[in-house]
N, C-alpha and C. Protein backbone atom coordinates (compact mmCIF):
# COMPACT_ATOMS: atom_id res chain seq x y z
N MET A 1 -75.96 -71.37 -71.72
CA MET A 1 -76.84 -72.66 -71.55
C MET A 1 -77.22 -72.77 -70.32
N LEU A 2 -78.10 -73.23 -70.04
CA LEU A 2 -78.92 -73.36 -68.97
C LEU A 2 -79.05 -74.84 -68.63
N LEU A 3 -79.48 -74.97 -67.17
CA LEU A 3 -79.16 -76.47 -67.00
C LEU A 3 -80.63 -77.16 -67.52
N SER A 4 -81.94 -76.34 -67.57
CA SER A 4 -82.92 -76.72 -67.69
C SER A 4 -83.19 -77.05 -69.50
N ASP A 5 -81.82 -76.58 -70.25
CA ASP A 5 -81.61 -77.04 -71.90
C ASP A 5 -81.12 -77.83 -71.98
N ALA A 6 -80.75 -78.91 -70.85
CA ALA A 6 -79.67 -80.11 -71.00
C ALA A 6 -80.44 -81.19 -71.52
N SER A 7 -80.14 -81.97 -72.69
CA SER A 7 -80.36 -83.16 -73.08
C SER A 7 -80.07 -84.42 -72.09
N PRO A 8 -81.03 -85.35 -72.23
CA PRO A 8 -80.70 -86.78 -71.56
C PRO A 8 -79.15 -87.66 -72.00
N GLY A 9 -78.55 -87.58 -71.84
CA GLY A 9 -77.35 -88.72 -72.09
C GLY A 9 -75.86 -87.72 -72.22
N GLN A 10 -76.41 -86.37 -72.17
CA GLN A 10 -75.48 -85.30 -72.20
C GLN A 10 -74.44 -84.87 -71.28
N MET A 11 -73.12 -84.89 -71.42
CA MET A 11 -72.05 -84.41 -70.65
C MET A 11 -72.09 -83.00 -70.38
N ILE A 12 -72.26 -82.41 -69.20
CA ILE A 12 -72.20 -80.87 -68.93
C ILE A 12 -71.19 -80.70 -68.22
N GLU A 13 -70.65 -79.84 -67.96
CA GLU A 13 -69.69 -78.82 -66.92
C GLU A 13 -70.80 -77.94 -66.29
N ILE A 14 -70.62 -77.88 -64.80
CA ILE A 14 -71.36 -76.31 -64.00
C ILE A 14 -70.49 -75.31 -64.31
N ILE A 15 -71.15 -74.37 -64.84
CA ILE A 15 -70.39 -73.21 -64.89
C ILE A 15 -70.67 -72.05 -63.79
N SER A 16 -71.81 -72.02 -63.49
CA SER A 16 -72.24 -70.64 -62.13
C SER A 16 -73.45 -71.47 -61.68
N ILE A 17 -73.48 -71.41 -59.88
CA ILE A 17 -74.42 -71.69 -59.54
C ILE A 17 -74.74 -70.15 -58.47
N PRO A 18 -75.76 -69.61 -58.78
CA PRO A 18 -75.60 -68.17 -58.50
C PRO A 18 -76.11 -68.01 -56.81
N ASP A 19 -77.19 -68.82 -56.07
CA ASP A 19 -77.28 -68.80 -54.84
C ASP A 19 -76.37 -69.34 -54.16
N PRO A 20 -75.95 -68.83 -53.30
CA PRO A 20 -74.56 -69.21 -51.84
C PRO A 20 -75.20 -70.21 -51.14
N SER A 21 -76.19 -70.24 -50.68
CA SER A 21 -76.76 -71.32 -50.06
C SER A 21 -77.04 -72.27 -50.59
N ILE A 22 -77.68 -72.60 -51.97
CA ILE A 22 -78.08 -73.55 -53.12
C ILE A 22 -76.77 -73.88 -53.37
N ARG A 23 -75.81 -73.20 -53.23
CA ARG A 23 -74.32 -73.68 -53.72
C ARG A 23 -73.81 -74.40 -53.03
N ALA A 24 -73.69 -74.10 -51.41
CA ALA A 24 -73.52 -74.91 -50.18
C ALA A 24 -73.68 -76.22 -50.41
N GLN A 25 -75.18 -76.44 -50.76
CA GLN A 25 -75.95 -77.82 -50.79
C GLN A 25 -75.63 -78.59 -51.56
N ALA A 26 -75.30 -77.71 -52.94
CA ALA A 26 -75.29 -78.74 -53.71
C ALA A 26 -73.45 -79.57 -53.77
N ILE A 27 -72.91 -78.65 -53.44
CA ILE A 27 -71.41 -78.97 -53.13
C ILE A 27 -71.22 -80.43 -52.09
N ARG A 28 -72.21 -80.73 -51.29
CA ARG A 28 -72.29 -81.88 -50.57
C ARG A 28 -72.73 -82.84 -51.38
N PHE A 29 -73.32 -82.75 -52.51
CA PHE A 29 -73.55 -83.82 -53.53
C PHE A 29 -72.75 -83.99 -54.74
N GLY A 30 -71.28 -83.24 -54.58
CA GLY A 30 -70.72 -83.13 -55.66
C GLY A 30 -70.75 -82.37 -56.84
N ILE A 31 -71.52 -81.56 -56.90
CA ILE A 31 -72.05 -80.68 -57.76
C ILE A 31 -71.56 -79.25 -57.51
N TYR A 32 -70.95 -79.01 -58.01
CA TYR A 32 -69.95 -77.69 -57.79
C TYR A 32 -69.33 -77.39 -59.13
N GLU A 33 -69.13 -75.48 -59.10
CA GLU A 33 -68.71 -75.02 -60.38
C GLU A 33 -67.44 -75.64 -60.61
N GLY A 34 -67.47 -76.01 -61.89
CA GLY A 34 -66.51 -76.96 -62.71
C GLY A 34 -66.60 -78.42 -62.62
N ALA A 35 -67.65 -79.12 -61.90
CA ALA A 35 -68.06 -80.21 -61.83
C ALA A 35 -68.33 -80.66 -63.53
N GLN A 36 -68.13 -81.85 -63.61
CA GLN A 36 -68.47 -82.42 -65.21
C GLN A 36 -69.64 -83.74 -64.55
N VAL A 37 -70.81 -83.60 -64.80
CA VAL A 37 -71.65 -84.57 -64.65
C VAL A 37 -72.55 -84.95 -65.79
N LYS A 38 -73.28 -85.97 -65.56
CA LYS A 38 -73.91 -86.37 -67.17
C LYS A 38 -75.54 -86.14 -66.58
N CYS A 39 -75.96 -85.60 -67.50
CA CYS A 39 -77.60 -85.45 -67.43
C CYS A 39 -78.35 -86.71 -68.03
N SER A 40 -79.16 -87.11 -66.86
CA SER A 40 -79.84 -88.74 -67.17
C SER A 40 -81.21 -88.89 -67.68
N TYR A 41 -81.54 -87.72 -67.27
CA TYR A 41 -83.13 -87.79 -67.77
C TYR A 41 -83.72 -86.05 -67.31
N VAL A 42 -84.63 -85.69 -68.06
CA VAL A 42 -85.04 -84.32 -68.28
C VAL A 42 -86.63 -84.51 -68.13
N ILE A 43 -87.12 -84.28 -67.69
CA ILE A 43 -89.01 -84.20 -67.29
C ILE A 43 -89.14 -82.73 -67.96
N HIS A 44 -90.12 -82.75 -68.70
CA HIS A 44 -90.44 -81.43 -69.86
C HIS A 44 -91.06 -80.78 -68.21
N SER A 45 -90.63 -79.68 -68.14
CA SER A 45 -91.48 -78.72 -66.99
C SER A 45 -90.77 -79.17 -65.62
N GLY A 46 -90.10 -80.26 -65.62
CA GLY A 46 -90.04 -80.77 -64.22
C GLY A 46 -88.75 -81.16 -63.86
N PRO A 47 -88.25 -81.84 -63.30
CA PRO A 47 -86.71 -81.90 -62.54
C PRO A 47 -85.53 -82.18 -63.68
N VAL A 48 -84.77 -81.90 -63.60
CA VAL A 48 -83.63 -82.79 -64.40
C VAL A 48 -82.62 -83.31 -63.44
N ILE A 49 -82.50 -84.78 -63.92
CA ILE A 49 -81.65 -85.49 -62.98
C ILE A 49 -80.40 -85.66 -63.38
N LEU A 50 -79.35 -85.34 -62.73
CA LEU A 50 -78.16 -85.43 -63.00
C LEU A 50 -77.23 -86.84 -62.55
N GLN A 51 -76.12 -87.24 -62.84
CA GLN A 51 -75.56 -88.17 -62.25
C GLN A 51 -74.25 -88.30 -62.26
N ASN A 52 -73.54 -88.11 -61.17
CA ASN A 52 -72.79 -88.26 -60.59
C ASN A 52 -71.86 -89.11 -60.52
N ARG A 53 -70.66 -89.74 -60.94
CA ARG A 53 -70.32 -90.66 -60.43
C ARG A 53 -71.53 -92.12 -60.37
N MET A 54 -71.65 -92.35 -58.99
CA MET A 54 -72.84 -93.53 -58.56
C MET A 54 -73.81 -93.16 -58.22
N GLN A 55 -73.96 -91.96 -58.16
CA GLN A 55 -75.46 -91.56 -57.32
C GLN A 55 -76.34 -90.34 -58.32
N GLU A 56 -77.32 -90.45 -58.48
CA GLU A 56 -78.43 -89.51 -59.15
C GLU A 56 -78.90 -88.45 -58.29
N ILE A 57 -79.08 -87.12 -58.73
CA ILE A 57 -79.38 -86.00 -57.93
C ILE A 57 -80.85 -85.31 -58.49
N ALA A 58 -81.69 -85.10 -58.59
CA ALA A 58 -82.72 -84.28 -58.84
C ALA A 58 -82.90 -82.72 -58.78
N ILE A 59 -82.80 -81.74 -59.83
CA ILE A 59 -82.71 -80.52 -59.86
C ILE A 59 -83.98 -80.20 -60.14
N GLY A 60 -84.77 -79.35 -59.48
CA GLY A 60 -86.13 -78.95 -59.67
C GLY A 60 -85.76 -78.09 -61.39
N HIS A 61 -86.93 -77.82 -61.89
CA HIS A 61 -87.08 -77.03 -62.85
C HIS A 61 -86.44 -75.38 -62.72
N ARG A 62 -87.17 -74.93 -61.51
CA ARG A 62 -86.82 -73.43 -61.43
C ARG A 62 -85.73 -73.19 -61.36
N LEU A 63 -84.67 -73.96 -60.43
CA LEU A 63 -83.66 -74.49 -60.00
C LEU A 63 -82.74 -74.26 -61.07
N ALA A 64 -83.01 -75.24 -61.86
CA ALA A 64 -82.40 -75.32 -63.00
C ALA A 64 -82.29 -74.50 -64.24
N GLU A 65 -83.32 -73.89 -63.99
CA GLU A 65 -83.20 -72.32 -65.01
C GLU A 65 -82.39 -71.42 -64.43
N LYS A 66 -81.65 -71.69 -63.42
CA LYS A 66 -81.05 -70.62 -62.94
C LYS A 66 -79.51 -71.04 -62.78
N ILE A 67 -78.88 -72.10 -63.04
CA ILE A 67 -77.53 -72.74 -62.81
C ILE A 67 -77.35 -72.78 -64.61
N GLN A 68 -75.71 -71.99 -64.89
CA GLN A 68 -75.26 -72.23 -65.96
C GLN A 68 -74.51 -73.09 -66.23
N ILE A 69 -74.51 -73.38 -67.48
CA ILE A 69 -73.96 -74.99 -67.63
C ILE A 69 -72.82 -74.79 -69.29
N LYS A 70 -72.41 -75.91 -69.64
CA LYS A 70 -71.52 -75.74 -70.90
C LYS A 70 -71.50 -77.23 -71.46
N ALA A 71 -71.87 -77.44 -72.49
CA ALA A 71 -71.77 -78.98 -72.85
C ALA A 71 -70.05 -79.45 -72.91
N VAL A 72 -69.78 -80.66 -72.78
CA VAL A 72 -68.35 -81.14 -73.00
C VAL A 72 -68.43 -82.52 -73.58
N SER A 73 -67.68 -82.44 -74.38
CA SER A 73 -67.68 -83.22 -75.95
C SER A 73 -67.56 -84.88 -75.03
């Protein structure tokens, strides 16, 4: 499953961030492979808003199509 397919309110786990430079930037925001975050909002063909603790980060649609995730119960 891809991050661009996530639903608002869904808890997800990041499985893979393929680009090493993007992976390094994401780590600074607490988003890394194995991290569990909440999908706050999805704008159709736009960014996916992730909530990690007390912060939110917007991931652009093109990048969200490259990040693999899985749903967490």
